[in-house]
Protein backbone atom coordinates (compact mmCIF):
# COMPACT_ATOMS: atom_id res chain seq x y z
CA UNK A 1 29.31 3.89 -2.55
CA UNK A 2 26.74 5.59 -0.50
CA UNK A 3 25.64 8.95 -0.41
CA UNK A 4 26.03 11.21 2.24
CA UNK A 5 23.01 11.84 4.46
CA UNK A 6 21.87 15.73 3.85
CA UNK A 7 20.05 16.75 7.16
CA UNK A 8 20.02 20.35 6.62
CA UNK A 9 17.22 22.38 5.24
CA UNK A 10 17.50 24.33 2.03
CA UNK A 11 16.52 27.90 1.31
CA UNK A 12 13.50 26.26 -0.49
CA UNK A 13 12.36 24.38 2.20
CA UNK A 14 12.36 26.92 5.31
CA UNK A 15 10.36 29.34 2.46
CA UNK A 16 7.91 26.26 2.02
CA UNK A 17 7.86 26.18 6.11
CA UNK A 18 6.95 29.71 6.06
CA UNK A 19 4.12 29.55 3.59
CA UNK A 20 2.74 26.80 5.33
CA UNK A 21 2.82 27.92 8.62
CA UNK A 22 1.14 30.94 7.79
CA UNK A 23 -1.76 29.55 6.10
CA UNK A 24 -2.26 27.56 9.04
CA UNK A 25 -1.68 30.31 11.90
CA UNK A 26 -4.12 32.15 9.59
CA UNK A 27 -7.08 29.28 8.96
CA UNK A 28 -6.01 26.28 11.01
CA UNK A 29 -4.82 27.48 14.62
CA UNK A 30 -5.36 25.28 17.78
CA UNK A 31 -8.54 26.75 18.39
CA UNK A 32 -10.25 26.20 15.46
CA UNK A 33 -9.19 23.00 15.67
CA UNK A 34 -10.31 22.60 18.91
CA UNK A 35 -13.95 24.03 17.84
CA UNK A 36 -14.18 21.08 15.24
CA UNK A 37 -15.60 19.05 17.77
CA UNK A 38 -18.93 21.10 17.95
CA UNK A 39 -19.29 20.18 14.02
CA UNK A 40 -20.21 17.64 12.04
CA UNK A 41 -16.95 18.19 9.82
CA UNK A 42 -13.87 16.70 10.95
CA UNK A 43 -11.61 19.12 8.22
CA UNK A 44 -11.72 22.68 8.30
CA UNK A 45 -13.50 23.92 5.55
CA UNK A 46 -11.60 24.90 2.31
CA UNK A 47 -8.15 24.34 4.09
CA UNK A 48 -6.99 21.47 1.97
CA UNK A 49 -7.68 23.50 -1.14
CA UNK A 50 -5.24 26.54 0.17
CA UNK A 51 -2.91 23.77 0.86
CA UNK A 52 -2.91 21.73 -1.72
CA UNK A 53 -3.65 23.49 -4.99
CA UNK A 54 -2.95 27.36 -4.08
CA UNK A 55 0.23 26.14 -2.02
CA UNK A 56 1.00 23.14 -4.80
CA UNK A 57 1.89 21.20 -1.78
CA UNK A 58 -0.72 18.08 -2.65
CA UNK A 59 2.06 17.40 -5.75
CA UNK A 60 5.48 18.03 -4.11
CA UNK A 61 6.35 14.16 -4.58
CA UNK A 62 5.27 14.19 -8.33
CA UNK A 63 7.62 14.99 -11.02
CA UNK A 64 6.28 18.16 -13.40
CA UNK A 65 6.22 15.91 -16.70
CA UNK A 66 3.26 14.20 -14.18
CA UNK A 67 1.40 17.19 -12.66
CA UNK A 68 3.60 17.88 -10.39
CA UNK A 69 5.98 20.33 -8.56
CA UNK A 70 8.81 18.27 -9.03
CA UNK A 71 9.90 18.37 -5.46
CA UNK A 72 11.17 15.70 -2.95
CA UNK A 73 10.54 13.76 0.18
CA UNK A 74 12.21 16.64 1.84
CA UNK A 75 10.01 19.43 1.01
CA UNK A 76 6.94 16.86 1.94
CA UNK A 77 8.55 16.33 5.17
CA UNK A 78 8.74 20.19 5.92
CA UNK A 79 5.16 20.39 5.04
CA UNK A 80 4.14 17.36 7.76
CA UNK A 81 6.43 18.98 10.32
CA UNK A 82 4.11 21.85 10.51
CA UNK A 83 0.97 19.61 10.24
CA UNK A 84 2.29 18.38 13.12
CA UNK A 85 2.65 21.52 14.94
CA UNK A 86 -1.06 22.57 14.62
CA UNK A 87 -1.97 18.80 14.74
CA UNK A 88 -3.97 20.01 11.51
CA UNK A 89 -6.84 17.81 10.25
CA UNK A 90 -5.94 17.35 6.67
CA UNK A 91 -5.30 14.13 4.66
CA UNK A 92 -2.31 15.13 3.35
CA UNK A 93 -0.39 12.07 4.47
CA UNK A 94 -2.60 9.99 3.61
CA UNK A 95 -3.33 11.30 -0.14
CA UNK A 96 -0.31 13.43 -0.81
CA UNK A 97 2.34 11.00 0.20
CA UNK A 98 1.05 7.47 0.65
CA UNK A 99 -1.45 6.95 -2.15
CA UNK A 100 0.55 9.26 -4.36
CA UNK A 101 3.84 7.21 -3.55
CA UNK A 102 1.73 4.17 -4.27
CA UNK A 103 0.60 5.71 -7.90
CA UNK A 104 4.14 6.99 -8.57
CA UNK A 105 5.28 3.40 -8.51
CA UNK A 106 3.06 2.19 -10.83
CA UNK A 107 3.42 4.97 -13.16
CA UNK A 108 7.34 3.86 -13.22
CA UNK A 109 8.33 6.98 -11.70
CA UNK A 110 10.44 5.59 -8.56
CA UNK A 111 13.23 3.45 -9.30
CA UNK A 112 15.20 1.87 -6.19
CA UNK A 113 14.02 0.65 -2.57
CA UNK A 114 11.78 -2.10 -3.88
CA UNK A 115 10.06 -0.03 -6.86
CA UNK A 116 12.28 -1.60 -9.62
CA UNK A 117 10.50 -4.70 -8.08
CA UNK A 118 7.09 -3.44 -9.88
CA UNK A 119 8.89 -3.32 -13.18
CA UNK A 120 10.06 -6.41 -12.97
CA UNK A 121 7.19 -8.32 -11.64
CA UNK A 122 3.79 -8.08 -13.65
CA UNK A 123 3.27 -4.00 -14.37
CA UNK A 124 0.71 -4.47 -17.09
CA UNK A 125 0.14 -2.42 -19.78
CA UNK A 126 -2.33 -0.42 -17.63
CA UNK A 127 0.41 0.52 -15.44
CA UNK A 128 3.45 3.02 -16.47
CA UNK A 129 3.07 6.22 -17.79
CA UNK A 130 -0.05 7.48 -19.61
CA UNK A 131 -2.12 4.35 -18.14
CA UNK A 132 -5.09 5.03 -15.68
CA UNK A 133 -2.42 5.07 -12.53
CA UNK A 134 -0.63 8.20 -14.21
CA UNK A 135 -4.02 9.95 -14.80
CA UNK A 136 -5.25 9.53 -11.32
CA UNK A 137 -1.87 10.79 -10.22
CA UNK A 138 -2.07 14.09 -12.05
CA UNK A 139 -5.68 14.62 -10.42
CA UNK A 140 -4.09 13.90 -7.00
CA UNK A 141 -1.13 15.92 -7.63
CA UNK A 142 -3.58 19.12 -8.33
CA UNK A 143 -5.45 18.95 -5.05
CA UNK A 144 -8.56 18.32 -7.11
CA UNK A 145 -8.94 14.68 -5.95
CA UNK A 146 -8.21 13.21 -2.79
CA UNK A 147 -7.43 9.47 -2.99
CA UNK A 148 -6.56 7.04 -0.02
CA UNK A 149 -4.97 3.71 0.17
CA UNK A 150 -7.86 1.47 1.88
CA UNK A 151 -5.43 -0.36 4.43
CA UNK A 152 -5.97 0.14 8.18
CA UNK A 153 -3.72 2.97 9.13
CA UNK A 154 -1.79 0.33 11.50
CA UNK A 155 -0.29 -1.50 8.51
CA UNK A 156 3.27 -1.14 8.17
CA UNK A 157 5.70 -1.24 5.13
CA UNK A 158 6.31 -4.85 5.58
CA UNK A 159 2.90 -5.89 6.50
CA UNK A 160 0.67 -7.84 4.07
CA UNK A 161 -2.69 -5.23 3.83
CA UNK A 162 -6.20 -7.05 3.83
CA UNK A 163 -7.38 -8.40 0.19
CA UNK A 164 -10.84 -9.03 1.46
CA UNK A 165 -13.81 -6.18 2.07
CA UNK A 166 -14.39 -4.63 4.38
CA UNK A 167 -11.25 -2.67 5.91
CA UNK A 168 -11.55 -1.39 9.44
CA UNK A 169 -9.80 1.68 10.18
CA UNK A 170 -8.68 3.68 7.08
CA UNK A 171 -7.72 6.57 7.81
CA UNK A 172 -9.33 9.91 6.09
CA UNK A 173 -11.67 7.47 4.27
CA UNK A 174 -14.31 10.00 4.76
CA UNK A 175 -12.50 12.96 2.52
CA UNK A 176 -11.32 10.29 -0.10
CA UNK A 177 -12.86 10.72 -3.71
CA UNK A 178 -11.15 7.51 -5.10
CA UNK A 179 -9.59 4.78 -3.12
CA UNK A 180 -7.23 2.53 -3.72
CA UNK A 181 -8.03 -0.96 -3.17
CA UNK A 182 -5.84 -4.05 -3.01
CA UNK A 183 -7.43 -7.02 -3.72
CA UNK A 184 -5.99 -10.60 -4.91
CA UNK A 185 -5.98 -10.01 -8.58
CA UNK A 186 -4.26 -6.30 -7.83
CA UNK A 187 -4.71 -3.05 -6.93
CA UNK A 188 -8.18 -1.04 -8.02
CA UNK A 189 -9.15 2.17 -8.30
CA UNK A 190 -12.49 2.69 -6.93
CA UNK A 191 -14.71 6.09 -6.74
CA UNK A 192 -15.73 6.82 -3.50
CA UNK A 193 -19.37 6.94 -4.40
CA UNK A 194 -19.14 3.02 -5.06
CA UNK A 195 -17.84 2.40 -1.53
CA UNK A 196 -19.65 1.97 1.55
CA UNK A 197 -17.60 4.52 4.15
CA UNK A 198 -18.79 4.16 7.96
CA UNK A 199 -16.80 6.56 9.97
CA UNK A 200 -15.72 5.42 13.69
CA UNK A 201 -14.29 7.56 16.51
CA UNK A 202 -10.85 7.62 17.11
CA UNK A 203 -8.71 8.34 20.03
CA UNK A 204 -7.88 11.18 17.87
CA UNK A 205 -10.69 13.12 16.09
CA UNK A 206 -8.04 14.84 14.02
CA UNK A 207 -7.50 11.80 11.61
CA UNK A 208 -10.88 10.15 11.14
CA UNK A 209 -11.13 6.60 10.71
CA UNK A 210 -13.45 4.65 9.11
CA UNK A 211 -14.31 1.24 7.64
CA UNK A 212 -14.73 0.52 4.24
CA UNK A 213 -16.67 -2.01 2.12
CA UNK A 214 -16.44 -1.84 -2.09
CA UNK A 215 -18.24 -4.14 -4.05
CA UNK A 216 -16.45 -7.19 -6.10
CA UNK A 217 -15.55 -6.37 -8.89
CA UNK A 218 -15.80 -2.21 -9.18
CA UNK A 219 -13.58 -0.09 -9.98
CA UNK A 220 -10.97 0.10 -12.66
CA UNK A 221 -7.91 -2.42 -12.46
CA UNK A 222 -4.38 -0.33 -11.80
CA UNK A 223 -2.01 -3.18 -11.91
CA UNK A 224 -1.66 -7.07 -11.26
CA UNK A 225 -0.56 -8.72 -7.82
CA UNK A 226 3.09 -8.54 -7.61
CA UNK A 227 2.86 -4.85 -9.13
CA UNK A 228 0.21 -4.15 -6.44
CA UNK A 229 2.23 -5.45 -3.53
CA UNK A 230 5.58 -3.66 -4.84
CA UNK A 231 3.75 -0.05 -4.78
CA UNK A 232 1.68 -0.89 -1.82
CA UNK A 233 5.13 -1.49 0.41
CA UNK A 234 6.60 1.58 -1.31
CA UNK A 235 3.36 3.86 -0.65
CA UNK A 236 3.62 2.46 2.75
CA UNK A 237 7.62 2.84 3.19
CA UNK A 238 7.39 6.65 2.17
CA UNK A 239 4.23 6.95 4.66
CA UNK A 240 6.42 5.50 7.57
CA UNK A 241 9.08 7.32 6.81
CA UNK A 242 7.37 10.75 6.56
CA UNK A 243 5.09 10.30 9.61
CA UNK A 244 8.39 10.99 11.51
CA UNK A 245 8.76 14.67 10.56
CA UNK A 246 5.07 15.07 11.51
CA UNK A 247 6.26 13.44 15.03
CA UNK A 248 8.96 15.91 15.10
CA UNK A 249 6.79 18.81 14.45
CA UNK A 250 4.18 17.63 17.23
CA UNK A 251 7.19 17.53 19.56
CA UNK A 252 8.55 20.50 19.12
CA UNK A 253 5.39 22.20 19.35
CA UNK A 254 4.94 20.67 22.82
CA UNK A 255 8.37 21.41 23.96
CA UNK A 256 7.81 25.53 22.54
CA UNK A 257 4.85 25.33 24.21
CA UNK A 258 5.72 24.22 27.50
CA UNK A 259 8.65 26.56 27.55
CA UNK A 260 6.38 29.56 27.33
CA UNK A 261 4.16 28.15 29.82
CA UNK A 262 6.42 27.90 32.66
CA UNK A 263 8.26 30.90 31.57
CA UNK A 264 4.71 32.87 32.39
CA UNK A 265 3.54 30.48 35.11
CA UNK A 266 4.93 31.82 38.79
CA UNK A 267 5.08 29.88 42.03
CA UNK A 268 6.48 31.53 45.36
CA UNK A 269 7.08 34.59 43.50
CA UNK A 270 9.02 32.60 40.66
CA UNK A 271 8.78 31.27 37.43
CA UNK A 272 7.66 27.83 37.72
CA UNK A 273 10.35 27.43 34.65
CA UNK A 274 13.29 28.44 36.71
CA UNK A 275 12.98 25.18 39.15
CA UNK A 276 15.94 22.75 38.72
CA UNK A 277 13.87 19.74 38.49
CA UNK A 278 11.53 20.99 35.63
CA UNK A 279 14.57 22.51 33.74
CA UNK A 280 16.21 19.02 33.76
CA UNK A 281 13.15 17.80 31.94
CA UNK A 282 12.63 20.14 29.83
CA UNK A 283 16.73 20.01 29.18
CA UNK A 284 16.41 16.31 28.54
CA UNK A 285 13.47 16.32 25.98
CA UNK A 286 15.23 19.31 24.31
CA UNK A 287 18.01 16.77 23.28
CA UNK A 288 15.47 13.79 22.74
CA UNK A 289 13.99 16.70 19.86
CA UNK A 290 17.73 16.90 18.45
CA UNK A 291 17.93 13.10 17.92
CA UNK A 292 14.30 12.91 16.51
CA UNK A 293 15.22 15.83 14.28
CA UNK A 294 17.96 13.92 13.12
CA UNK A 295 16.36 10.67 12.21
CA UNK A 296 13.09 12.13 10.41
CA UNK A 297 15.63 14.45 8.30
CA UNK A 298 17.74 11.09 7.49
CA UNK A 299 14.64 9.55 6.83
CA UNK A 300 12.88 12.09 3.94
CA UNK A 301 16.58 12.12 2.87
CA UNK A 302 17.01 8.77 2.20
CA UNK A 303 13.31 8.71 0.38
CA UNK A 304 14.62 11.36 -1.75
CA UNK A 305 17.62 10.08 -2.89
CA UNK A 306 16.32 6.61 -3.10
CA UNK A 307 18.60 5.13 -0.90
CA UNK A 308 18.91 1.45 -0.49
CA UNK A 309 19.26 1.88 3.35
CA UNK A 310 15.73 3.75 3.34
CA UNK A 311 13.71 0.77 4.80
CA UNK A 312 16.28 0.56 7.62
CA UNK A 313 16.61 4.44 8.13
CA UNK A 314 13.00 4.73 7.92
CA UNK A 315 12.37 2.08 10.87
CA UNK A 316 15.06 3.76 12.93
CA UNK A 317 13.21 6.96 12.57
CA UNK A 318 9.79 5.58 13.41
CA UNK A 319 11.20 3.83 16.40
CA UNK A 320 12.75 6.90 17.64
CA UNK A 321 10.04 9.69 16.73
CA UNK A 322 7.36 7.97 17.81
CA UNK A 323 8.07 7.32 21.38
CA UNK A 324 9.88 11.09 21.60
CA UNK A 325 6.62 12.68 20.36
CA UNK A 326 4.73 10.55 22.76
CA UNK A 327 7.36 11.43 25.60
CA UNK A 328 6.60 15.64 24.53
CA UNK A 329 2.78 15.29 24.62
CA UNK A 330 2.79 13.54 28.21
CA UNK A 331 5.16 16.47 29.64
CA UNK A 332 3.15 19.06 28.07
CA UNK A 333 0.30 18.16 29.62
CA UNK A 334 1.84 16.93 32.97
CA UNK A 335 3.89 20.21 33.10
CA UNK A 336 0.86 22.83 32.35
CA UNK A 337 -0.56 21.54 35.43
CA UNK A 338 -4.16 21.82 35.67
CA UNK A 339 -4.38 23.79 32.74
CA UNK A 340 -3.22 21.15 30.60
CA UNK A 341 -6.04 18.33 31.67
CA UNK A 342 -8.49 20.69 30.42
CA UNK A 343 -10.80 20.38 27.10
CA UNK A 344 -9.94 24.01 26.37
CA UNK A 345 -6.17 24.06 26.09
CA UNK A 346 -4.92 22.39 23.08
CA UNK A 347 -2.13 19.85 24.57
CA UNK A 348 -4.75 16.75 24.77
CA UNK A 349 -4.85 17.14 20.72
CA UNK A 350 -1.25 16.82 20.93
CA UNK A 351 -1.25 13.91 23.15
CA UNK A 352 -3.93 12.18 21.21
CA UNK A 353 -2.21 12.74 17.99
CA UNK A 354 1.10 11.46 19.08
CA UNK A 355 -0.86 8.04 20.56
CA UNK A 356 -2.26 7.52 17.13
CA UNK A 357 0.80 8.18 15.44
CA UNK A 358 2.62 5.67 17.82
CA UNK A 359 0.84 2.75 16.28
CA UNK A 360 0.41 4.11 12.87
CA UNK A 361 1.97 2.45 9.86
CA UNK A 362 3.30 0.12 11.82
CA UNK A 363 4.28 0.08 15.85
CA UNK A 364 7.58 0.44 17.10
CA UNK A 365 7.82 -2.98 18.25
CA UNK A 366 7.07 -3.98 14.33
CA UNK A 367 9.69 -1.34 13.06
CA UNK A 368 12.56 -2.59 15.77
CA UNK A 369 11.83 -6.25 14.10
CA UNK A 370 12.01 -4.78 10.91
CA UNK A 371 15.82 -3.14 12.28
CA UNK A 372 16.73 -6.50 13.29
CA UNK A 373 15.81 -8.75 10.08
CA UNK A 374 17.28 -5.94 8.08
CA UNK A 375 20.98 -5.56 10.04
CA UNK A 376 20.73 -9.50 10.60
CA UNK A 377 20.56 -9.26 14.37
CA UNK A 378 19.02 -11.89 15.84
CA UNK A 379 16.17 -11.50 18.61
CA UNK A 380 17.18 -12.79 22.05
CA UNK A 381 16.22 -16.12 23.01
């Protein structure tokens, strides 16, 4: 019997949210992020250490016996909601979620949702508890090491990652200490110092992209091709599911900021937010947000519980939340009037992140195709 989804936030999750929000408010407000455009560093100095090590967010998905916090995808989703609200440039999604989930599968700490496929295939003595994957996982969970899966940001859970070098569009590669590189004969951990990383100019400057070239034969082999495919697929699935929480947080900030502005902005001696047309637009956006919250929480809970329906729930969350985030950001820009079109207002940060997230870890169209296949719904002729 399938366990019912739990969409509510626990007291622990609320406490974690408060800690992360306080940190971001103090160290990485929108003005700070806007100021990064004038520097050569795409990240706020010292912020990753505070979030990953001091708060312990990097190890939320990792069991205590492997050096982590022993929490779940639900807690990681709360962190991503706050990172989305602040459009924070940190490698959390790429390292603490995608790469971590990939390593957890190889270390045998994940069961269900395809993870058992890794054990049933060719998980070698290299993989498993105590192997190189587990050793690397402990460093990633502590926040001392940033690991990034060397696949394009647009790669979805069901897609085959490129097995040849170079690889274009790798998110947060510039922050990586270790690259997880899929090759024809398995998955390799390659120190970033042995790779050529060429930064690119993305639409969303808060999630840097780069081209990555790794020399053939470099790095440590973590697993053979079958186990590598299963682990990468699991990592991308977790990333897509929790990306919905980032999109939720971003959309929530856009609505709150728009409501605040339209209350303060007066026209004809009345707040513009009192105009019926604007009320209706914001009310509809609020309804969309309620649905997005349910979809994002369902995805996080399905991943946390190892539900066999996780691939379907994740695909639904991505189809819905990606569109809501873009619409909320567009409304935020438009309803701020001329102010929303300026570089000085953070609305453009939200819009660029929303558009970037819309194609990250699989586009809405690809997730719709996945839904159709999972529920055996044939496409129209």
